Amino acid sequence: GQGQRGRAAAMVLEATMIALDNSEAMRNGDYAPTRFQAQADAINILCGAKTQANPENTVGVMTMAGKASSVVVTPTTDLGKILTALHGLPLEGALNVTGLQVAQLALKHRQNKNQRQRIVLFCGSELEVEQAALVKIGKKLKKNNVAVDVVAFGDAATLFF
């Protein structure tokens, strides 16, 4: 009946890349025990919610600071893989949002093309980026139907609000 169809529509099929902030600023203790650990806890909850919403949803993780942005875990349904990856990541340099293009490429190569694409950017430090560069990335993501959520905390929270 009608109820079944409504429920199926609510189960969005999604591939999500979590772009985490592993910059030096994440050592800050304003969130206990550190910003980085608070971020890791939030990512655990988010990944659990995504896979519970639909068992076919996939989640990947990438770093956004240091010498270069890099994919740590390609989108997977294996939560254990993600939780393991969050341990021992280096905290280095500054946040670099041009890494969002790396996230977009990881999503482009997802196994299931029926999955909607989403990036969740965790941002706990100041962004040092030209507005024009952000607009360019934003337009590219929009053109490729990639939704973006920003979780701003710490230094970044004051920048967005």
Protein backbone atom coordinates (compact mmCIF):
# COMPACT_ATOMS: atom_id res chain seq x y z
CA GLY A 1 0.00 0.00 0.00
CA GLN A 2 0.81 3.68 0.25
CA GLY A 3 2.67 3.31 3.59
CA GLN A 4 5.28 0.99 2.07
CA ARG A 5 6.11 3.39 -0.75
CA GLY A 6 6.45 6.30 1.72
CA ARG A 7 8.90 4.32 3.82
CA ALA A 8 11.03 3.36 0.82
CA ALA A 9 11.30 7.01 -0.22
CA ALA A 10 12.56 7.96 3.24
CA MET A 11 15.47 5.49 2.97
CA VAL A 12 17.83 7.65 0.97
CA LEU A 13 20.63 5.73 -0.68
CA GLU A 14 23.79 7.74 -0.14
CA ALA A 15 27.55 7.65 -0.51
CA THR A 16 29.12 10.05 2.00
CA MET A 17 32.71 11.26 2.23
CA ILE A 18 33.64 12.66 5.60
CA ALA A 19 36.33 15.30 5.21
CA LEU A 20 37.93 15.64 8.62
CA ASP A 21 40.05 18.43 10.00
CA ASN A 22 43.45 17.03 11.03
CA SER A 23 45.15 20.44 11.29
CA GLU A 24 47.41 21.49 14.17
CA ALA A 25 44.51 23.50 15.67
CA MET A 26 42.74 20.21 16.45
CA ARG A 27 45.08 19.66 19.42
CA ASN A 28 43.23 22.46 21.21
CA GLY A 29 41.58 21.37 24.47
CA ASP A 30 38.50 23.63 24.33
CA TYR A 31 36.49 20.48 23.56
CA ALA A 32 37.32 17.58 25.90
CA PRO A 33 39.74 15.85 25.60
CA THR A 34 40.76 17.57 22.31
CA ARG A 35 38.96 19.00 19.30
CA PHE A 36 40.21 16.06 17.27
CA GLN A 37 38.78 13.45 19.66
CA ALA A 38 35.47 15.33 19.87
CA GLN A 39 35.40 15.31 16.06
CA ALA A 40 36.15 11.55 15.99
CA ASP A 41 33.25 10.93 18.40
CA ALA A 42 30.89 12.95 16.19
CA ILE A 43 32.09 11.04 13.10
CA ASN A 44 31.39 7.71 14.86
CA ILE A 45 27.81 8.81 15.57
CA LEU A 46 27.33 10.14 12.04
CA CYS A 47 28.63 6.93 10.41
CA GLY A 48 26.37 4.82 12.62
CA ALA A 49 23.35 6.95 11.68
CA LYS A 50 24.15 6.78 7.95
CA THR A 51 24.47 2.98 7.91
CA GLN A 52 21.37 2.55 10.10
CA ALA A 53 19.31 4.76 7.77
CA ASN A 54 20.07 2.36 4.92
CA PRO A 55 22.33 -0.70 5.12
CA GLU A 56 23.51 0.00 1.56
CA ASN A 57 24.76 3.50 2.44
CA THR A 58 28.53 3.85 2.26
CA VAL A 59 30.80 6.20 4.19
CA GLY A 60 34.40 7.14 3.48
CA VAL A 61 36.92 9.26 5.36
CA MET A 62 39.60 11.66 4.20
CA THR A 63 42.00 14.12 5.80
CA MET A 64 41.96 17.79 4.82
CA ALA A 65 45.19 19.16 6.35
CA GLY A 66 48.92 18.62 6.06
CA LYS A 67 50.92 18.41 2.85
CA ALA A 68 47.99 17.03 0.85
CA SER A 69 44.40 15.93 1.34
CA SER A 70 44.14 12.17 1.19
CA VAL A 71 41.48 9.48 1.23
CA VAL A 72 41.99 7.27 4.29
CA VAL A 73 39.00 4.97 3.67
CA THR A 74 37.10 4.80 0.37
CA PRO A 75 33.30 4.69 0.81
CA THR A 76 32.42 1.42 2.59
CA THR A 77 29.60 -0.19 4.59
CA ASP A 78 32.23 -1.48 7.08
CA LEU A 79 32.04 0.79 10.15
CA GLY A 80 34.97 -1.00 11.78
CA LYS A 81 37.23 0.12 8.95
CA ILE A 82 36.28 3.76 9.55
CA LEU A 83 36.68 3.60 13.34
CA THR A 84 40.13 2.00 12.95
CA ALA A 85 41.17 4.68 10.43
CA LEU A 86 40.38 7.50 12.85
CA HIS A 87 43.10 6.31 15.24
CA GLY A 88 46.63 7.53 14.74
CA LEU A 89 45.94 10.12 12.04
CA PRO A 90 48.65 12.80 12.03
CA LEU A 91 47.69 16.33 13.11
CA GLU A 92 49.63 18.67 10.84
CA GLY A 93 49.52 21.97 9.01
CA ALA A 94 46.40 23.95 8.19
CA LEU A 95 42.99 23.01 6.80
CA ASN A 96 42.90 23.06 3.00
CA VAL A 97 39.41 23.03 1.50
CA THR A 98 40.65 22.44 -2.04
CA GLY A 99 40.73 18.83 -0.79
CA LEU A 100 36.97 18.80 -1.40
CA GLN A 101 37.84 18.01 -5.02
CA VAL A 102 39.56 14.83 -3.78
CA ALA A 103 36.35 13.93 -1.91
CA GLN A 104 34.32 14.55 -5.06
CA LEU A 105 36.57 12.21 -7.06
CA ALA A 106 36.25 9.49 -4.41
CA LEU A 107 32.46 9.80 -4.66
CA LYS A 108 32.54 9.81 -8.46
CA HIS A 109 34.16 6.36 -8.35
CA ARG A 110 31.54 4.90 -5.98
CA GLN A 111 30.44 1.33 -6.79
CA ASN A 112 26.70 2.03 -6.75
CA LYS A 113 25.82 4.91 -9.08
CA ASN A 114 22.29 5.03 -7.60
CA GLN A 115 23.74 6.47 -4.39
CA ARG A 116 23.35 10.20 -3.94
CA GLN A 117 26.66 11.94 -3.26
CA ARG A 118 27.31 13.89 -0.06
CA ILE A 119 30.37 15.43 1.58
CA VAL A 120 30.39 16.26 5.29
CA LEU A 121 33.21 18.72 5.99
CA PHE A 122 34.32 18.93 9.61
CA CYS A 123 35.95 22.30 10.15
CA GLY A 124 37.47 23.08 13.56
CA SER A 125 40.13 25.58 12.52
CA GLU A 126 40.35 28.76 10.50
CA LEU A 127 40.07 28.52 6.74
CA GLU A 128 42.83 30.20 4.82
CA VAL A 129 41.30 30.26 1.36
CA GLU A 130 40.27 32.85 -1.21
CA GLN A 131 36.53 33.27 -1.61
CA ALA A 132 36.88 32.82 -5.38
CA ALA A 133 38.46 29.37 -4.84
CA LEU A 134 35.57 28.35 -2.57
CA VAL A 135 32.99 29.55 -5.11
CA LYS A 136 34.75 27.59 -7.88
CA ILE A 137 34.73 24.38 -5.80
CA GLY A 138 31.10 24.98 -4.81
CA LYS A 139 29.99 25.37 -8.42
CA LYS A 140 31.83 22.20 -9.44
CA LEU A 141 30.22 20.21 -6.61
CA LYS A 142 26.77 21.58 -7.49
CA LYS A 143 27.28 20.70 -11.17
CA ASN A 144 28.12 17.12 -10.12
CA ASN A 145 25.10 16.88 -7.77
CA VAL A 146 27.22 16.62 -4.63
CA ALA A 147 25.52 17.83 -1.45
CA VAL A 148 27.82 19.43 1.15
CA ASP A 149 27.27 19.78 4.89
CA VAL A 150 29.69 21.77 7.04
CA VAL A 151 30.13 20.95 10.72
CA ALA A 152 31.84 24.05 12.10
CA PHE A 153 33.25 24.11 15.63
CA GLY A 154 36.14 25.69 17.52
CA ASP A 155 37.72 28.57 15.58
CA ALA A 156 35.58 27.85 12.53
CA ALA A 157 32.25 28.25 14.33
CA THR A 158 32.75 32.03 14.48
CA LEU A 159 33.53 32.21 10.75
CA PHE A 160 30.25 30.76 9.55
CA PHE A 161 27.81 32.49 11.90
